[in-house]
Amino acid sequence: MTKVLIGQVSDIDERGSRTIKVEDTEIAVFRLTDGSVLAVENRCPHKGGLLSEGMVCGAVVHCPLHDWKIDLNSGLVSEPDDGCVTTYPTEIDQASGAVYITV
């Protein structure tokens, strides 16, 4: 596992996202209203919609293609739909505001 610096928490708008690419994987990084940062694979398991373009409600992102709801903590799709995406551990350095993900 590798810890990757992705930038500052202030670089990500509240309820917004940014994307990074690590090797062949695109990852969506979201900043929630509580200040936490969560990261998931940037691809809906249904039709491959870019989750980074979805709307964030609480800790759930809505896929922009067909409104599948994906829990950003677990990566699980809400019922009645089925599936999951890979999640990545995140860390915010409270002193500097630097955001890291582990891949």
PDB file of N, CA and C in Angstrom:
ATOM      1  N   MET A   1       0.848  -1.185   0.000  1.00  0.00           N
ATOM      2  CA  MET A   1       0.000   0.000   0.000  1.00  0.00           C
ATOM      3  C   MET A   1       0.888   1.241   0.000  1.00  0.00           C
ATOM      4  N   THR A   2       0.426   2.238  -0.750  1.00  0.00           N
ATOM      5  CA  THR A   2       1.182   3.472  -0.886  1.00  0.00           C
ATOM      6  C   THR A   2       0.321   4.655  -0.479  1.00  0.00           C
ATOM      7  N   LYS A   3       0.896   5.550   0.311  1.00  0.00           N
ATOM      8  CA  LYS A   3       0.220   6.769   0.725  1.00  0.00           C
ATOM      9  C   LYS A   3       0.589   7.865  -0.276  1.00  0.00           C
ATOM     10  N   VAL A   4      -0.444   8.509  -0.865  1.00  0.00           N
ATOM     11  CA  VAL A   4      -0.228   9.492  -1.917  1.00  0.00           C
ATOM     12  C   VAL A   4      -0.782  10.847  -1.478  1.00  0.00           C
ATOM     13  N   LEU A   5       0.046  11.880  -1.547  1.00  0.00           N
ATOM     14  CA  LEU A   5      -0.405  13.247  -1.279  1.00  0.00           C
ATOM     15  C   LEU A   5      -1.193  13.722  -2.496  1.00  0.00           C
ATOM     16  N   ILE A   6      -2.428  14.175  -2.274  1.00  0.00           N
ATOM     17  CA  ILE A   6      -3.231  14.622  -3.409  1.00  0.00           C
ATOM     18  C   ILE A   6      -3.479  16.123  -3.417  1.00  0.00           C
ATOM     19  N   GLY A   7      -3.068  16.829  -2.382  1.00  0.00           N
ATOM     20  CA  GLY A   7      -3.250  18.277  -2.331  1.00  0.00           C
ATOM     21  C   GLY A   7      -3.731  18.722  -0.971  1.00  0.00           C
ATOM     22  N   GLN A   8      -4.300  19.898  -0.931  1.00  0.00           N
ATOM     23  CA  GLN A   8      -4.805  20.493   0.298  1.00  0.00           C
ATOM     24  C   GLN A   8      -6.318  20.321   0.383  1.00  0.00           C
ATOM     25  N   VAL A   9      -6.825  20.198   1.599  1.00  0.00           N
ATOM     26  CA  VAL A   9      -8.276  20.059   1.777  1.00  0.00           C
ATOM     27  C   VAL A   9      -8.992  21.278   1.194  1.00  0.00           C
ATOM     28  N   SER A  10      -8.371  22.436   1.245  1.00  0.00           N
ATOM     29  CA  SER A  10      -8.983  23.652   0.701  1.00  0.00           C
ATOM     30  C   SER A  10      -9.078  23.629  -0.829  1.00  0.00           C
ATOM     31  N   ASP A  11      -8.373  22.710  -1.480  1.00  0.00           N
ATOM     32  CA  ASP A  11      -8.445  22.568  -2.939  1.00  0.00           C
ATOM     33  C   ASP A  11      -9.749  21.922  -3.398  1.00  0.00           C
ATOM     34  N   ILE A  12     -10.481  21.306  -2.471  1.00  0.00           N
ATOM     35  CA  ILE A  12     -11.719  20.596  -2.812  1.00  0.00           C
ATOM     36  C   ILE A  12     -12.891  21.366  -2.213  1.00  0.00           C
ATOM     37  N   ASP A  13     -13.821  21.796  -3.052  1.00  0.00           N
ATOM     38  CA  ASP A  13     -14.996  22.514  -2.561  1.00  0.00           C
ATOM     39  C   ASP A  13     -15.838  21.602  -1.682  1.00  0.00           C
ATOM     40  N   GLU A  14     -16.505  22.191  -0.676  1.00  0.00           N
ATOM     41  CA  GLU A  14     -17.434  21.419   0.146  1.00  0.00           C
ATOM     42  C   GLU A  14     -18.518  20.850  -0.745  1.00  0.00           C
ATOM     43  N   ARG A  15     -18.825  19.555  -0.588  1.00  0.00           N
ATOM     44  CA  ARG A  15     -19.754  18.782  -1.420  1.00  0.00           C
ATOM     45  C   ARG A  15     -19.284  18.703  -2.865  1.00  0.00           C
ATOM     46  N   GLY A  16     -17.990  18.918  -3.058  1.00  0.00           N
ATOM     47  CA  GLY A  16     -17.410  18.836  -4.390  1.00  0.00           C
ATOM     48  C   GLY A  16     -16.423  17.691  -4.469  1.00  0.00           C
ATOM     49  N   SER A  17     -15.768  17.598  -5.616  1.00  0.00           N
ATOM     50  CA  SER A  17     -14.814  16.508  -5.811  1.00  0.00           C
ATOM     51  C   SER A  17     -13.665  16.962  -6.689  1.00  0.00           C
ATOM     52  N   ARG A  18     -12.657  16.150  -6.712  1.00  0.00           N
ATOM     53  CA  ARG A  18     -11.580  16.272  -7.678  1.00  0.00           C
ATOM     54  C   ARG A  18     -11.157  14.860  -8.030  1.00  0.00           C
ATOM     55  N   THR A  19     -10.489  14.697  -9.129  1.00  0.00           N
ATOM     56  CA  THR A  19     -10.056  13.368  -9.535  1.00  0.00           C
ATOM     57  C   THR A  19      -8.539  13.314  -9.607  1.00  0.00           C
ATOM     58  N   ILE A  20      -8.033  12.116  -9.332  1.00  0.00           N
ATOM     59  CA  ILE A  20      -6.617  11.846  -9.501  1.00  0.00           C
ATOM     60  C   ILE A  20      -6.485  10.506 -10.207  1.00  0.00           C
ATOM     61  N   LYS A  21      -5.368  10.305 -10.834  1.00  0.00           N
ATOM     62  CA  LYS A  21      -5.118   9.031 -11.492  1.00  0.00           C
ATOM     63  C   LYS A  21      -3.883   8.417 -10.864  1.00  0.00           C
ATOM     64  N   VAL A  22      -4.024   7.183 -10.410  1.00  0.00           N
ATOM     65  CA  VAL A  22      -2.918   6.427  -9.842  1.00  0.00           C
ATOM     66  C   VAL A  22      -2.773   5.183 -10.693  1.00  0.00           C
ATOM     67  N   GLU A  23      -1.665   5.121 -11.432  1.00  0.00           N
ATOM     68  CA  GLU A  23      -1.440   4.070 -12.422  1.00  0.00           C
ATOM     69  C   GLU A  23      -2.610   4.088 -13.406  1.00  0.00           C
ATOM     70  N   ASP A  24      -3.383   3.026 -13.531  1.00  0.00           N
ATOM     71  CA  ASP A  24      -4.488   2.992 -14.489  1.00  0.00           C
ATOM     72  C   ASP A  24      -5.846   3.248 -13.853  1.00  0.00           C
ATOM     73  N   THR A  25      -5.862   3.664 -12.591  1.00  0.00           N
ATOM     74  CA  THR A  25      -7.115   3.832 -11.869  1.00  0.00           C
ATOM     75  C   THR A  25      -7.415   5.304 -11.632  1.00  0.00           C
ATOM     76  N   GLU A  26      -8.618   5.731 -12.024  1.00  0.00           N
ATOM     77  CA  GLU A  26      -9.053   7.092 -11.720  1.00  0.00           C
ATOM     78  C   GLU A  26      -9.851   7.051 -10.427  1.00  0.00           C
ATOM     79  N   ILE A  27      -9.512   7.954  -9.518  1.00  0.00           N
ATOM     80  CA  ILE A  27     -10.117   8.005  -8.191  1.00  0.00           C
ATOM     81  C   ILE A  27     -10.793   9.355  -8.007  1.00  0.00           C
ATOM     82  N   ALA A  28     -12.026   9.330  -7.482  1.00  0.00           N
ATOM     83  CA  ALA A  28     -12.759  10.553  -7.157  1.00  0.00           C
ATOM     84  C   ALA A  28     -12.602  10.808  -5.665  1.00  0.00           C
ATOM     85  N   VAL A  29     -12.227  12.030  -5.323  1.00  0.00           N
ATOM     86  CA  VAL A  29     -12.017  12.422  -3.935  1.00  0.00           C
ATOM     87  C   VAL A  29     -13.056  13.482  -3.601  1.00  0.00           C
ATOM     88  N   PHE A  30     -13.863  13.225  -2.572  1.00  0.00           N
ATOM     89  CA  PHE A  30     -14.973  14.092  -2.201  1.00  0.00           C
ATOM     90  C   PHE A  30     -14.730  14.735  -0.846  1.00  0.00           C
ATOM     91  N   ARG A  31     -15.138  15.999  -0.710  1.00  0.00           N
ATOM     92  CA  ARG A  31     -15.113  16.688   0.588  1.00  0.00           C
ATOM     93  C   ARG A  31     -16.553  16.868   1.043  1.00  0.00           C
ATOM     94  N   LEU A  32     -16.856  16.301   2.206  1.00  0.00           N
ATOM     95  CA  LEU A  32     -18.219  16.355   2.735  1.00  0.00           C
ATOM     96  C   LEU A  32     -18.427  17.601   3.583  1.00  0.00           C
ATOM     97  N   THR A  33     -19.677  17.890   3.920  1.00  0.00           N
ATOM     98  CA  THR A  33     -19.992  19.092   4.697  1.00  0.00           C
ATOM     99  C   THR A  33     -19.430  19.044   6.107  1.00  0.00           C
ATOM    100  N   ASP A  34     -19.123  17.853   6.623  1.00  0.00           N
ATOM    101  CA  ASP A  34     -18.535  17.759   7.962  1.00  0.00           C
ATOM    102  C   ASP A  34     -17.013  17.938   7.926  1.00  0.00           C
ATOM    103  N   GLY A  35     -16.460  18.224   6.746  1.00  0.00           N
ATOM    104  CA  GLY A  35     -15.027  18.447   6.608  1.00  0.00           C
ATOM    105  C   GLY A  35     -14.220  17.209   6.274  1.00  0.00           C
ATOM    106  N   SER A  36     -14.853  16.041   6.328  1.00  0.00           N
ATOM    107  CA  SER A  36     -14.127  14.814   6.010  1.00  0.00           C
ATOM    108  C   SER A  36     -13.911  14.698   4.512  1.00  0.00           C
ATOM    109  N   VAL A  37     -12.942  13.875   4.145  1.00  0.00           N
ATOM    110  CA  VAL A  37     -12.620  13.629   2.749  1.00  0.00           C
ATOM    111  C   VAL A  37     -12.673  12.123   2.523  1.00  0.00           C
ATOM    112  N   LEU A  38     -13.408  11.697   1.486  1.00  0.00           N
ATOM    113  CA  LEU A  38     -13.552  10.280   1.161  1.00  0.00           C
ATOM    114  C   LEU A  38     -13.183  10.062  -0.296  1.00  0.00           C
ATOM    115  N   ALA A  39     -12.659   8.876  -0.598  1.00  0.00           N
ATOM    116  CA  ALA A  39     -12.202   8.582  -1.957  1.00  0.00           C
ATOM    117  C   ALA A  39     -12.735   7.235  -2.427  1.00  0.00           C
ATOM    118  N   VAL A  40     -13.206   7.212  -3.676  1.00  0.00           N
ATOM    119  CA  VAL A  40     -13.731   5.987  -4.289  1.00  0.00           C
ATOM    120  C   VAL A  40     -13.276   5.921  -5.747  1.00  0.00           C
ATOM    121  N   GLU A  41     -13.351   4.734  -6.284  1.00  0.00           N
ATOM    122  CA  GLU A  41     -13.132   4.542  -7.712  1.00  0.00           C
ATOM    123  C   GLU A  41     -14.118   5.436  -8.465  1.00  0.00           C
ATOM    124  N   ASN A  42     -13.642   6.140  -9.483  1.00  0.00           N
ATOM    125  CA  ASN A  42     -14.475   7.117 -10.194  1.00  0.00           C
ATOM    126  C   ASN A  42     -15.276   6.476 -11.321  1.00  0.00           C
ATOM    127  N   ARG A  43     -15.980   5.402 -11.001  1.00  0.00           N
ATOM    128  CA  ARG A  43     -16.737   4.694 -12.041  1.00  0.00           C
ATOM    129  C   ARG A  43     -17.908   3.964 -11.390  1.00  0.00           C
ATOM    130  N   CYS A  44     -19.114   4.327 -11.784  1.00  0.00           N
ATOM    131  CA  CYS A  44     -20.295   3.645 -11.276  1.00  0.00           C
ATOM    132  C   CYS A  44     -20.308   2.208 -11.806  1.00  0.00           C
ATOM    133  N   PRO A  45     -20.658   1.232 -10.959  1.00  0.00           N
ATOM    134  CA  PRO A  45     -20.663  -0.160 -11.415  1.00  0.00           C
ATOM    135  C   PRO A  45     -21.785  -0.476 -12.410  1.00  0.00           C
ATOM    136  N   HIS A  46     -22.739   0.424 -12.572  1.00  0.00           N
ATOM    137  CA  HIS A  46     -23.872   0.179 -13.473  1.00  0.00           C
ATOM    138  C   HIS A  46     -23.483   0.387 -14.939  1.00  0.00           C
ATOM    139  N   LYS A  47     -23.190   1.610 -15.310  1.00  0.00           N
ATOM    140  CA  LYS A  47     -22.870   1.925 -16.707  1.00  0.00           C
ATOM    141  C   LYS A  47     -21.592   2.748 -16.834  1.00  0.00           C
ATOM    142  N   GLY A  48     -20.801   2.814 -15.760  1.00  0.00           N
ATOM    143  CA  GLY A  48     -19.511   3.497 -15.830  1.00  0.00           C
ATOM    144  C   GLY A  48     -19.569   5.001 -15.705  1.00  0.00           C
ATOM    145  N   GLY A  49     -20.672   5.543 -15.208  1.00  0.00           N
ATOM    146  CA  GLY A  49     -20.770   6.992 -15.032  1.00  0.00           C
ATOM    147  C   GLY A  49     -19.674   7.520 -14.116  1.00  0.00           C
ATOM    148  N   LEU A  50     -19.212   8.733 -14.393  1.00  0.00           N
ATOM    149  CA  LEU A  50     -18.158   9.334 -13.577  1.00  0.00           C
ATOM    150  C   LEU A  50     -18.754   9.867 -12.287  1.00  0.00           C
ATOM    151  N   LEU A  51     -18.441   9.218 -11.186  1.00  0.00           N
ATOM    152  CA  LEU A  51     -19.012   9.606  -9.899  1.00  0.00           C
ATOM    153  C   LEU A  51     -18.580  11.005  -9.484  1.00  0.00           C
ATOM    154  N   SER A  52     -17.416  11.443  -9.941  1.00  0.00           N
ATOM    155  CA  SER A  52     -16.941  12.794  -9.618  1.00  0.00           C
ATOM    156  C   SER A  52     -17.876  13.872 -10.169  1.00  0.00           C
ATOM    157  N   GLU A  53     -18.721  13.516 -11.115  1.00  0.00           N
ATOM    158  CA  GLU A  53     -19.682  14.464 -11.693  1.00  0.00           C
ATOM    159  C   GLU A  53     -21.045  14.366 -11.027  1.00  0.00           C
ATOM    160  N   GLY A  54     -21.183  13.485 -10.039  1.00  0.00           N
ATOM    161  CA  GLY A  54     -22.456  13.291  -9.366  1.00  0.00           C
ATOM    162  C   GLY A  54     -22.688  14.281  -8.247  1.00  0.00           C
ATOM    163  N   MET A  55     -23.934  14.312  -7.774  1.00  0.00           N
ATOM    164  CA  MET A  55     -24.314  15.178  -6.668  1.00  0.00           C
ATOM    165  C   MET A  55     -24.077  14.450  -5.346  1.00  0.00           C
ATOM    166  N   VAL A  56     -23.499  15.150  -4.375  1.00  0.00           N
ATOM    167  CA  VAL A  56     -23.212  14.574  -3.064  1.00  0.00           C
ATOM    168  C   VAL A  56     -24.291  15.012  -2.080  1.00  0.00           C
ATOM    169  N   CYS A  57     -24.893  14.036  -1.398  1.00  0.00           N
ATOM    170  CA  CYS A  57     -25.893  14.285  -0.352  1.00  0.00           C
ATOM    171  C   CYS A  57     -25.452  13.512   0.872  1.00  0.00           C
ATOM    172  N   GLY A  58     -25.018  14.205   1.904  1.00  0.00           N
ATOM    173  CA  GLY A  58     -24.470  13.521   3.078  1.00  0.00           C
ATOM    174  C   GLY A  58     -23.214  12.789   2.675  1.00  0.00           C
ATOM    175  N   ALA A  59     -23.180  11.472   2.902  1.00  0.00           N
ATOM    176  CA  ALA A  59     -22.030  10.651   2.531  1.00  0.00           C
ATOM    177  C   ALA A  59     -22.367   9.740   1.350  1.00  0.00           C
ATOM    178  N   VAL A  60     -23.298  10.206   0.503  1.00  0.00           N
ATOM    179  CA  VAL A  60     -23.735   9.437  -0.666  1.00  0.00           C
ATOM    180  C   VAL A  60     -23.526  10.284  -1.907  1.00  0.00           C
ATOM    181  N   VAL A  61     -23.031   9.650  -2.978  1.00  0.00           N
ATOM    182  CA  VAL A  61     -22.945  10.325  -4.265  1.00  0.00           C
ATOM    183  C   VAL A  61     -23.957   9.677  -5.206  1.00  0.00           C
ATOM    184  N   HIS A  62     -24.655  10.513  -5.967  1.00  0.00           N
ATOM    185  CA  HIS A  62     -25.639  10.045  -6.942  1.00  0.00           C
ATOM    186  C   HIS A  62     -24.956  10.003  -8.306  1.00  0.00           C
ATOM    187  N   CYS A  63     -24.952   8.836  -8.934  1.00  0.00           N
ATOM    188  CA  CYS A  63     -24.354   8.709 -10.260  1.00  0.00           C
ATOM    189  C   CYS A  63     -25.095   9.644 -11.224  1.00  0.00           C
ATOM    190  N   PRO A  64     -24.364  10.413 -12.027  1.00  0.00           N
ATOM    191  CA  PRO A  64     -25.021  11.357 -12.922  1.00  0.00           C
ATOM    192  C   PRO A  64     -25.769  10.707 -14.090  1.00  0.00           C
ATOM    193  N   LEU A  65     -25.521   9.440 -14.362  1.00  0.00           N
ATOM    194  CA  LEU A  65     -26.197   8.799 -15.499  1.00  0.00           C
ATOM    195  C   LEU A  65     -27.582   8.287 -15.154  1.00  0.00           C
ATOM    196  N   HIS A  66     -27.704   7.491 -14.091  1.00  0.00           N
ATOM    197  CA  HIS A  66     -28.985   6.857 -13.781  1.00  0.00           C
ATOM    198  C   HIS A  66     -29.370   6.969 -12.308  1.00  0.00           C
ATOM    199  N   ASP A  67     -28.744   7.895 -11.593  1.00  0.00           N
ATOM    200  CA  ASP A  67     -29.086   8.212 -10.200  1.00  0.00           C
ATOM    201  C   ASP A  67     -28.870   7.060  -9.228  1.00  0.00           C
ATOM    202  N   TRP A  68     -27.964   6.131  -9.549  1.00  0.00           N
ATOM    203  CA  TRP A  68     -27.613   5.123  -8.549  1.00  0.00           C
ATOM    204  C   TRP A  68     -26.956   5.846  -7.390  1.00  0.00           C
ATOM    205  N   LYS A  69     -27.239   5.397  -6.173  1.00  0.00           N
ATOM    206  CA  LYS A  69     -26.712   6.041  -4.975  1.00  0.00           C
ATOM    207  C   LYS A  69     -25.617   5.160  -4.371  1.00  0.00           C
ATOM    208  N   ILE A  70     -24.415   5.735  -4.233  1.00  0.00           N
ATOM    209  CA  ILE A  70     -23.264   4.982  -3.736  1.00  0.00           C
ATOM    210  C   ILE A  70     -22.792   5.604  -2.433  1.00  0.00           C
ATOM    211  N   ASP A  71     -22.702   4.779  -1.394  1.00  0.00           N
ATOM    212  CA  ASP A  71     -22.220   5.204  -0.088  1.00  0.00           C
ATOM    213  C   ASP A  71     -20.710   5.423  -0.190  1.00  0.00           C
ATOM    214  N   LEU A  72     -20.265   6.634   0.107  1.00  0.00           N
ATOM    215  CA  LEU A  72     -18.849   6.955  -0.025  1.00  0.00           C
ATOM    216  C   LEU A  72     -17.987   6.316   1.058  1.00  0.00           C
ATOM    217  N   ASN A  73     -18.587   5.892   2.164  1.00  0.00           N
ATOM    218  CA  ASN A  73     -17.827   5.213   3.218  1.00  0.00           C
ATOM    219  C   ASN A  73     -17.555   3.754   2.876  1.00  0.00           C
ATOM    220  N   SER A  74     -18.574   3.067   2.388  1.00  0.00           N
ATOM    221  CA  SER A  74     -18.457   1.624   2.147  1.00  0.00           C
ATOM    222  C   SER A  74     -18.267   1.262   0.677  1.00  0.00           C
ATOM    223  N   GLY A  75     -18.671   2.150  -0.221  1.00  0.00           N
ATOM    224  CA  GLY A  75     -18.633   1.848  -1.651  1.00  0.00           C
ATOM    225  C   GLY A  75     -19.847   1.081  -2.139  1.00  0.00           C
ATOM    226  N   LEU A  76     -20.775   0.747  -1.241  1.00  0.00           N
ATOM    227  CA  LEU A  76     -21.948  -0.050  -1.609  1.00  0.00           C
ATOM    228  C   LEU A  76     -23.026   0.798  -2.272  1.00  0.00           C
ATOM    229  N   VAL A  77     -23.676   0.213  -3.262  1.00  0.00           N
ATOM    230  CA  VAL A  77     -24.796   0.835  -3.950  1.00  0.00           C
ATOM    231  C   VAL A  77     -26.056   0.599  -3.114  1.00  0.00           C
ATOM    232  N   SER A  78     -26.891   1.628  -3.017  1.00  0.00           N
ATOM    233  CA  SER A  78     -28.141   1.509  -2.254  1.00  0.00           C
ATOM    234  C   SER A  78     -29.153   0.649  -2.991  1.00  0.00           C
ATOM    235  N   GLU A  79     -29.947  -0.111  -2.216  1.00  0.00           N
ATOM    236  CA  GLU A  79     -31.030  -0.925  -2.777  1.00  0.00           C
ATOM    237  C   GLU A  79     -32.090  -0.018  -3.377  1.00  0.00           C
ATOM    238  N   PRO A  80     -32.792  -0.431  -4.380  1.00  0.00           N
ATOM    239  CA  PRO A  80     -32.900  -1.786  -4.888  1.00  0.00           C
ATOM    240  C   PRO A  80     -31.773  -2.148  -5.858  1.00  0.00           C
ATOM    241  N   ASP A  81     -30.886  -1.192  -6.182  1.00  0.00           N
ATOM    242  CA  ASP A  81     -29.780  -1.476  -7.084  1.00  0.00           C
ATOM    243  C   ASP A  81     -28.723  -2.274  -6.332  1.00  0.00           C
ATOM    244  N   ASP A  82     -27.764  -2.818  -7.066  1.00  0.00           N
ATOM    245  CA  ASP A  82     -26.788  -3.711  -6.448  1.00  0.00           C
ATOM    246  C   ASP A  82     -25.418  -3.472  -7.062  1.00  0.00           C
ATOM    247  N   GLY A  83     -24.393  -3.495  -6.232  1.00  0.00           N
ATOM    248  CA  GLY A  83     -23.028  -3.349  -6.715  1.00  0.00           C
ATOM    249  C   GLY A  83     -22.186  -2.615  -5.693  1.00  0.00           C
ATOM    250  N   CYS A  84     -20.933  -2.399  -6.046  1.00  0.00           N
ATOM    251  CA  CYS A  84     -20.049  -1.649  -5.166  1.00  0.00           C
ATOM    252  C   CYS A  84     -18.877  -1.099  -5.970  1.00  0.00           C
ATOM    253  N   VAL A  85     -18.226  -0.104  -5.398  1.00  0.00           N
ATOM    254  CA  VAL A  85     -17.007   0.463  -5.963  1.00  0.00           C
ATOM    255  C   VAL A  85     -15.913   0.347  -4.910  1.00  0.00           C
ATOM    256  N   THR A  86     -14.687   0.406  -5.357  1.00  0.00           N
ATOM    257  CA  THR A  86     -13.544   0.357  -4.450  1.00  0.00           C
ATOM    258  C   THR A  86     -13.437   1.673  -3.693  1.00  0.00           C
ATOM    259  N   THR A  87     -13.205   1.588  -2.388  1.00  0.00           N
ATOM    260  CA  THR A  87     -12.961   2.778  -1.574  1.00  0.00           C
ATOM    261  C   THR A  87     -11.483   2.824  -1.214  1.00  0.00           C
ATOM    262  N   TYR A  88     -11.003   4.020  -0.895  1.00  0.00           N
ATOM    263  CA  TYR A  88      -9.595   4.215  -0.545  1.00  0.00           C
ATOM    264  C   TYR A  88      -9.514   4.998   0.763  1.00  0.00           C
ATOM    265  N   PRO A  89      -8.712   4.521   1.721  1.00  0.00           N
ATOM    266  CA  PRO A  89      -8.557   5.249   2.980  1.00  0.00           C
ATOM    267  C   PRO A  89      -7.982   6.644   2.741  1.00  0.00           C
ATOM    268  N   THR A  90      -8.494   7.616   3.467  1.00  0.00           N
ATOM    269  CA  THR A  90      -8.019   8.993   3.359  1.00  0.00           C
ATOM    270  C   THR A  90      -7.529   9.482   4.713  1.00  0.00           C
ATOM    271  N   GLU A  91      -6.705  10.506   4.653  1.00  0.00           N
ATOM    272  CA  GLU A  91      -6.177  11.107   5.875  1.00  0.00           C
ATOM    273  C   GLU A  91      -5.953  12.592   5.614  1.00  0.00           C
ATOM    274  N   ILE A  92      -6.354  13.426   6.577  1.00  0.00           N
ATOM    275  CA  ILE A  92      -6.092  14.857   6.502  1.00  0.00           C
ATOM    276  C   ILE A  92      -5.102  15.201   7.609  1.00  0.00           C
ATOM    277  N   ASP A  93      -3.984  15.797   7.257  1.00  0.00           N
ATOM    278  CA  ASP A  93      -3.023  16.285   8.251  1.00  0.00           C
ATOM    279  C   ASP A  93      -3.616  17.578   8.813  1.00  0.00           C
ATOM    280  N   GLN A  94      -4.047  17.541  10.064  1.00  0.00           N
ATOM    281  CA  GLN A  94      -4.745  18.680  10.661  1.00  0.00           C
ATOM    282  C   GLN A  94      -3.874  19.927  10.747  1.00  0.00           C
ATOM    283  N   ALA A  95      -2.568  19.749  10.889  1.00  0.00           N
ATOM    284  CA  ALA A  95      -1.677  20.913  11.004  1.00  0.00           C
ATOM    285  C   ALA A  95      -1.508  21.631   9.673  1.00  0.00           C
ATOM    286  N   SER A  96      -1.376  20.888   8.595  1.00  0.00           N
ATOM    287  CA  SER A  96      -1.089  21.502   7.299  1.00  0.00           C
ATOM    288  C   SER A  96      -2.276  21.532   6.338  1.00  0.00           C
ATOM    289  N   GLY A  97      -3.299  20.682   6.585  1.00  0.00           N
ATOM    290  CA  GLY A  97      -4.438  20.584   5.674  1.00  0.00           C
ATOM    291  C   GLY A  97      -4.159  19.694   4.472  1.00  0.00           C
ATOM    292  N   ALA A  98      -3.010  19.009   4.473  1.00  0.00           N
ATOM    293  CA  ALA A  98      -2.671  18.107   3.369  1.00  0.00           C
ATOM    294  C   ALA A  98      -3.583  16.888   3.400  1.00  0.00           C
ATOM    295  N   VAL A  99      -4.006  16.429   2.217  1.00  0.00           N
ATOM    296  CA  VAL A  99      -4.875  15.267   2.087  1.00  0.00           C
ATOM    297  C   VAL A  99      -4.078  14.138   1.436  1.00  0.00           C
ATOM    298  N   TYR A 100      -4.159  12.956   2.053  1.00  0.00           N
ATOM    299  CA  TYR A 100      -3.495  11.760   1.550  1.00  0.00           C
ATOM    300  C   TYR A 100      -4.526  10.663   1.323  1.00  0.00           C
ATOM    301  N   ILE A 101      -4.299   9.840   0.308  1.00  0.00           N
ATOM    302  CA  ILE A 101      -5.075   8.624   0.156  1.00  0.00           C
ATOM    303  C   ILE A 101      -4.097   7.450   0.119  1.00  0.00           C
ATOM    304  N   THR A 102      -4.576   6.301   0.543  1.00  0.00           N
ATOM    305  CA  THR A 102      -3.774   5.096   0.501  1.00  0.00           C
ATOM    306  C   THR A 102      -4.299   4.201  -0.593  1.00  0.00           C
ATOM    307  N   VAL A 103      -3.408   3.826  -1.509  1.00  0.00           N
ATOM    308  CA  VAL A 103      -3.795   2.951  -2.626  1.00  0.00           C
ATOM    309  C   VAL A 103      -2.942   1.698  -2.615  1.00  0.00           C
TER     310      VAL A 103
END
